[in-house]
C-alpha atoms as a PDB file:
ATOM      1  CA  MET A   1     -80.894 -56.320-136.836  1.00  0.00           C
ATOM      2  CA  PRO A   2     -77.051 -56.060-135.037  1.00  0.00           C
ATOM      3  CA  GLU A   3     -74.623 -53.513-135.868  1.00  0.00           C
ATOM      4  CA  GLU A   4     -71.967 -53.718-138.235  1.00  0.00           C
ATOM      5  CA  LYS A   5     -68.983 -51.790-137.868  1.00  0.00           C
ATOM      6  CA  LYS A   6     -67.545 -49.827-139.579  1.00  0.00           C
ATOM      7  CA  THR A   7     -63.840 -50.400-140.657  1.00  0.00           C
ATOM      8  CA  THR A   8     -61.382 -47.354-141.845  1.00  0.00           C
ATOM      9  CA  VAL A   9     -58.982 -47.791-144.300  1.00  0.00           C
ATOM     10  CA  ARG A  10     -56.248 -46.237-144.221  1.00  0.00           C
ATOM     11  CA  LYS A  11     -53.701 -45.502-146.890  1.00  0.00           C
ATOM     12  CA  THR A  12     -50.538 -45.407-145.818  1.00  0.00           C
ATOM     13  CA  VAL A  13     -48.504 -42.323-148.279  1.00  0.00           C
ATOM     14  CA  ARG A  14     -44.926 -43.068-148.308  1.00  0.00           C
ATOM     15  CA  LYS A  15     -43.277 -38.985-148.386  1.00  0.00           C
ATOM     16  CA  ARG A  16     -39.990 -39.504-150.692  1.00  0.00           C
ATOM     17  CA  ALA A  17     -37.167 -39.283-149.480  1.00  0.00           C
ATOM     18  CA  ALA A  18     -36.152 -35.781-148.493  1.00  0.00           C
ATOM     19  CA  ALA A  19     -33.020 -35.973-150.809  1.00  0.00           C
ATOM     20  CA  SER A  20     -30.430 -37.951-151.326  1.00  0.00           C
ATOM     21  CA  PRO A  21     -27.389 -37.555-149.993  1.00  0.00           C
ATOM     22  CA  GLU A  22     -25.902 -36.581-152.735  1.00  0.00           C
ATOM     23  CA  ARG A  23     -28.007 -33.251-152.655  1.00  0.00           C
ATOM     24  CA  ARG A  24     -28.037 -32.694-149.464  1.00  0.00           C
ATOM     25  CA  LEU A  25     -24.028 -32.785-148.979  1.00  0.00           C
ATOM     26  CA  PRO A  26     -22.910 -29.799-149.795  1.00  0.00           C
ATOM     27  CA  SER A  27     -21.313 -29.109-153.239  1.00  0.00           C
ATOM     28  CA  THR A  28     -17.547 -28.647-153.471  1.00  0.00           C
ATOM     29  CA  SER A  29     -17.232 -27.461-157.012  1.00  0.00           C
ATOM     30  CA  PRO A  30     -15.707 -23.757-157.429  1.00  0.00           C
ATOM     31  CA  ALA A  31     -18.870 -22.256-158.079  1.00  0.00           C
ATOM     32  CA  ALA A  32     -20.523 -23.456-155.482  1.00  0.00           C
ATOM     33  CA  ALA A  33     -18.578 -21.986-153.268  1.00  0.00           C
ATOM     34  CA  ALA A  34     -18.454 -18.907-154.755  1.00  0.00           C
ATOM     35  CA  GLY A  35     -22.710 -18.261-154.199  1.00  0.00           C
ATOM     36  CA  ALA A  36     -23.133 -19.209-157.998  1.00  0.00           C
ATOM     37  CA  PRO A  37     -26.633 -20.503-159.169  1.00  0.00           C
ATOM     38  CA  ARG A  38     -26.892 -24.134-159.663  1.00  0.00           C
ATOM     39  CA  ALA A  39     -26.201 -24.159-163.713  1.00  0.00           C
ATOM     40  CA  HIS A  40     -28.815 -27.035-164.445  1.00  0.00           C
ATOM     41  CA  ARG A  41     -31.980 -28.176-161.999  1.00  0.00           C
ATOM     42  CA  GLY A  42     -35.028 -29.580-163.128  1.00  0.00           C
ATOM     43  CA  HIS A  43     -36.372 -28.773-167.405  1.00  0.00           C
ATOM     44  CA  ARG A  44     -36.059 -24.999-166.303  1.00  0.00           C
ATOM     45  CA  ARG A  45     -35.166 -23.341-169.719  1.00  0.00           C
ATOM     46  CA  THR A  46     -31.414 -21.892-170.758  1.00  0.00           C
ATOM     47  CA  LYS A  47     -31.007 -19.069-173.135  1.00  0.00           C
ATOM     48  CA  VAL A  48     -27.522 -17.200-174.555  1.00  0.00           C
ATOM     49  CA  GLY A  49     -27.813 -13.604-174.221  1.00  0.00           C
ATOM     50  CA  ARG A  50     -25.950 -10.238-174.748  1.00  0.00           C
ATOM     51  CA  VAL A  51     -26.290  -7.643-171.755  1.00  0.00           C
ATOM     52  CA  VAL A  52     -27.413  -4.387-172.801  1.00  0.00           C
ATOM     53  CA  SER A  53     -27.635  -2.652-169.469  1.00  0.00           C
ATOM     54  CA  ALA A  54     -26.521  -2.757-166.425  1.00  0.00           C
ATOM     55  CA  LYS A  55     -27.188   0.202-164.570  1.00  0.00           C
ATOM     56  CA  THR A  56     -29.776  -1.511-161.977  1.00  0.00           C
ATOM     57  CA  PRO A  57     -28.370  -3.340-158.985  1.00  0.00           C
ATOM     58  CA  MET A  58     -28.361  -6.904-158.830  1.00  0.00           C
ATOM     59  CA  THR A  59     -30.560  -6.664-162.390  1.00  0.00           C
ATOM     60  CA  VAL A  60     -29.001  -6.868-166.148  1.00  0.00           C
ATOM     61  CA  ILE A  61     -31.175  -6.463-169.921  1.00  0.00           C
ATOM     62  CA  VAL A  62     -30.151  -9.464-171.123  1.00  0.00           C
ATOM     63  CA  GLU A  63     -30.810  -9.212-175.319  1.00  0.00           C
ATOM     64  CA  ILE A  64     -31.855 -12.990-176.622  1.00  0.00           C
ATOM     65  CA  GLU A  65     -31.381 -12.648-180.092  1.00  0.00           C
ATOM     66  CA  ARG A  66     -32.835 -15.637-182.865  1.00  0.00           C
ATOM     67  CA  LEU A  67     -33.582 -15.964-186.229  1.00  0.00           C
ATOM     68  CA  ARG A  68     -37.155 -16.849-187.731  1.00  0.00           C
ATOM     69  CA  GLU A  69     -38.963 -17.373-190.692  1.00  0.00           C
ATOM     70  CA  HIS A  70     -41.484 -14.744-191.581  1.00  0.00           C
ATOM     71  CA  PRO A  71     -44.698 -16.613-192.089  1.00  0.00           C
ATOM     72  CA  LEU A  72     -45.496 -14.236-195.394  1.00  0.00           C
ATOM     73  CA  TYR A  73     -42.503 -13.952-197.200  1.00  0.00           C
ATOM     74  CA  LYS A  74     -40.490 -16.879-196.089  1.00  0.00           C
ATOM     75  CA  LYS A  75     -37.131 -14.269-195.906  1.00  0.00           C
ATOM     76  CA  THR A  76     -35.273 -15.164-192.134  1.00  0.00           C
ATOM     77  CA  ILE A  77     -35.544 -11.768-189.722  1.00  0.00           C
ATOM     78  CA  LYS A  78     -34.254 -11.122-186.402  1.00  0.00           C
ATOM     79  CA  VAL A  79     -36.402 -10.999-183.513  1.00  0.00           C
ATOM     80  CA  ARG A  80     -34.869  -9.570-179.889  1.00  0.00           C
ATOM     81  CA  ARG A  81     -36.113 -10.316-177.134  1.00  0.00           C
ATOM     82  CA  ARG A  82     -34.750  -7.651-173.936  1.00  0.00           C
ATOM     83  CA  VAL A  83     -35.564 -10.022-170.717  1.00  0.00           C
ATOM     84  CA  PRO A  84     -34.408  -8.551-167.335  1.00  0.00           C
ATOM     85  CA  ALA A  85     -32.114 -11.061-165.176  1.00  0.00           C
ATOM     86  CA  HIS A  86     -31.041 -11.376-161.642  1.00  0.00           C
ATOM     87  CA  ASP A  87     -27.105 -11.451-161.142  1.00  0.00           C
ATOM     88  CA  GLY A  88     -26.435 -11.746-157.702  1.00  0.00           C
ATOM     89  CA  ARG A  89     -22.679 -11.683-157.159  1.00  0.00           C
ATOM     90  CA  GLY A  90     -22.834  -8.286-159.658  1.00  0.00           C
ATOM     91  CA  ASP A  91     -20.033  -8.469-161.636  1.00  0.00           C
ATOM     92  CA  VAL A  92     -21.598  -9.068-165.286  1.00  0.00           C
ATOM     93  CA  ARG A  93     -21.071  -5.639-167.295  1.00  0.00           C
ATOM     94  CA  ALA A  94     -22.700  -4.075-170.512  1.00  0.00           C
ATOM     95  CA  GLY A  95     -21.145  -6.047-173.628  1.00  0.00           C
ATOM     96  CA  ASP A  96     -20.624  -9.721-171.599  1.00  0.00           C
ATOM     97  CA  LEU A  97     -22.491 -12.878-173.426  1.00  0.00           C
ATOM     98  CA  VAL A  98     -24.317 -14.810-171.062  1.00  0.00           C
ATOM     99  CA  ARG A  99     -26.404 -17.388-170.292  1.00  0.00           C
ATOM    100  CA  ILE A 100     -29.538 -17.251-168.274  1.00  0.00           C
ATOM    101  CA  GLN A 101     -31.892 -19.584-166.986  1.00  0.00           C
ATOM    102  CA  GLU A 102     -35.317 -19.540-165.701  1.00  0.00           C
ATOM    103  CA  SER A 103     -35.753 -18.787-162.015  1.00  0.00           C
ATOM    104  CA  ARG A 104     -38.398 -18.496-159.436  1.00  0.00           C
ATOM    105  CA  PRO A 105     -39.882 -14.788-159.187  1.00  0.00           C
ATOM    106  CA  PHE A 106     -37.022 -12.171-158.135  1.00  0.00           C
ATOM    107  CA  SER A 107     -39.372  -9.723-158.606  1.00  0.00           C
ATOM    108  CA  ALA A 108     -42.367  -8.565-160.806  1.00  0.00           C
ATOM    109  CA  THR A 109     -40.335  -8.848-163.740  1.00  0.00           C
ATOM    110  CA  LYS A 110     -37.592 -10.901-163.340  1.00  0.00           C
ATOM    111  CA  ARG A 111     -37.834 -14.210-164.033  1.00  0.00           C
ATOM    112  CA  TRP A 112     -34.418 -15.226-165.415  1.00  0.00           C
ATOM    113  CA  GLN A 113     -31.147 -15.361-163.142  1.00  0.00           C
ATOM    114  CA  VAL A 114     -27.303 -15.048-164.836  1.00  0.00           C
ATOM    115  CA  ILE A 115     -25.424 -18.644-164.980  1.00  0.00           C
ATOM    116  CA  ASP A 116     -22.461 -18.257-166.441  1.00  0.00           C
ATOM    117  CA  VAL A 117     -20.559 -15.269-168.501  1.00  0.00           C
ATOM    118  CA  LEU A 118     -19.499 -17.201-171.737  1.00  0.00           C
ATOM    119  CA  SER A 119     -16.824 -13.900-172.842  1.00  0.00           C
ATOM    120  CA  ARG A 120     -16.358 -10.700-171.495  1.00  0.00           C
ATOM    121  CA  ALA A 121     -17.148  -7.716-173.530  1.00  0.00           C
ATOM    122  CA  GLY A 122     -13.854  -6.847-175.119  1.00  0.00           C
ATOM    123  CA  GLU A 123     -11.804  -9.523-173.948  1.00  0.00           C
ATOM    124  CA  ALA A 124     -11.776 -11.826-177.762  1.00  0.00           C
ATOM    125  CA  PHE A 125      -9.763  -9.056-179.158  1.00  0.00           C
ATOM    126  CA  ALA A 126      -8.165  -7.476-176.414  1.00  0.00           C
ATOM    127  CA  ALA A 127      -5.062 -10.160-176.192  1.00  0.00           C
ATOM    128  CA  ALA A 128      -5.427 -10.860-179.686  1.00  0.00           C
ATOM    129  CA  PRO A 129      -2.080 -10.655-181.700  1.00  0.00           C
ATOM    130  CA  GLU A 130      -2.679  -9.029-185.070  1.00  0.00           C
ATOM    131  CA  ALA A 131      -2.747 -11.304-188.188  1.00  0.00           C
ATOM    132  CA  ALA A 132       0.629 -10.270-189.826  1.00  0.00           C
ATOM    133  CA  GLU A 133       2.113 -11.658-186.992  1.00  0.00           C
ATOM    134  CA  ILE A 134       0.670 -15.287-186.681  1.00  0.00           C
ATOM    135  CA  GLU A 135       1.196 -15.212-190.144  1.00  0.00           C
ATOM    136  CA  ARG A 136       4.983 -14.675-189.596  1.00  0.00           C
ATOM    137  CA  ALA A 137       5.309 -16.369-186.808  1.00  0.00           C
ATOM    138  CA  LEU A 138       4.047 -19.667-188.607  1.00  0.00           C
ATOM    139  CA  GLU A 139       6.114 -19.040-191.725  1.00  0.00           C
ATOM    140  CA  GLU A 140       9.077 -19.180-189.407  1.00  0.00           C
ATOM    141  CA  ALA A 141       7.980 -22.134-187.222  1.00  0.00           C
ATOM    142  CA  GLU A 142       7.453 -24.502-190.570  1.00  0.00           C
ATOM    143  CA  GLY A 143      10.542 -22.537-192.995  1.00  0.00           C
ATOM    144  CA  VAL A 144       8.442 -21.362-195.340  1.00  0.00           C
ATOM    145  CA  LYS A 145       9.929 -18.024-195.663  1.00  0.00           C
ATOM    146  CA  GLU A 146      11.853 -18.888-198.866  1.00  0.00           C
ATOM    147  CA  LEU A 147       8.753 -20.186-200.743  1.00  0.00           C
ATOM    148  CA  LEU A 148       6.479 -17.610-199.384  1.00  0.00           C
ATOM    149  CA  ALA A 149       9.162 -14.495-200.921  1.00  0.00           C
ATOM    150  CA  LYS A 150       8.102 -13.113-203.758  1.00  0.00           C
ATOM    151  CA  PRO A 151      10.376 -13.375-206.535  1.00  0.00           C
ATOM    152  CA  GLU A 152      13.310 -10.561-207.309  1.00  0.00           C
ATOM    153  CA  ARG A 153      13.558  -9.540-211.258  1.00  0.00           C
ATOM    154  CA  GLU A 154      17.358  -9.863-212.076  1.00  0.00           C
ATOM    155  CA  ALA A 155      16.405  -7.797-215.426  1.00  0.00           C
ATOM    156  CA  ALA A 156      14.663  -4.739-216.255  1.00  0.00           C
ATOM    157  CA  PRO A 157      11.698  -4.323-217.459  1.00  0.00           C
ATOM    158  CA  VAL A 158      11.914  -3.982-221.484  1.00  0.00           C
ATOM    159  CA  ALA A 159      10.599  -1.065-222.384  1.00  0.00           C
ATOM    160  CA  THR A 160       8.005  -1.715-226.078  1.00  0.00           C
ATOM    161  CA  GLU A 161       9.105   0.417-229.245  1.00  0.00           C
ATOM    162  CA  ALA A 162       5.964   2.033-228.131  1.00  0.00           C
ATOM    163  CA  SER A 163       7.039   4.235-225.339  1.00  0.00           C
ATOM    164  CA  GLU A 164      10.829   4.339-226.498  1.00  0.00           C
ATOM    165  CA  LYS A 165       9.388   6.726-229.375  1.00  0.00           C
ATOM    166  CA  SER A 166       6.995   8.856-226.581  1.00  0.00           C
ATOM    167  CA  THR A 167      10.178   9.222-224.623  1.00  0.00           C
ATOM    168  CA  GLU A 168      12.092  10.158-227.796  1.00  0.00           C
ATOM    169  CA  GLU A 169      10.149  12.665-228.538  1.00  0.00           C
ATOM    170  CA  GLU A 170       9.444  14.392-224.954  1.00  0.00           C
ATOM    171  CA  GLY A 171      13.327  15.215-224.793  1.00  0.00           C
ATOM    172  CA  ALA A 172      13.126  16.253-228.359  1.00  0.00           C
ATOM    173  CA  GLU A 173      10.994  18.679-227.712  1.00  0.00           C
END
């Protein structure tokens, strides 16, 4: 009986291209130049929250607040969750509104990183003019100052007979 040669079939496995040309080139955006993390990377979750503590270096505590309905009583309640997030640039302060993104583990508890600062603490009202100033500017711009002015009474209010009698009685005494 002649021996048969066993042939091994090799499957050719193609490796994925390392990266497309766009990914290999460094980004020219100002955020990438400043060392900011990428905003949209795959299917990573992003959340918006307020920084409640920025005391530790490169770490901030972000409080994420959401509304949910109570399962039994059907009342809408606030649910707060505090997560530590990595702040590589170190420019985030307590009170800032930030967007955070899920990322690799930075430490035993840190699994999020700060992507961008949406608003600074106290920034919204610091440079805002008062409501009265805005109303005045709109009135002058539209020329409706005369229309909105309250009419002045030309004649003095007419006194009623009852009030006249009470004033006469007081003067007599």
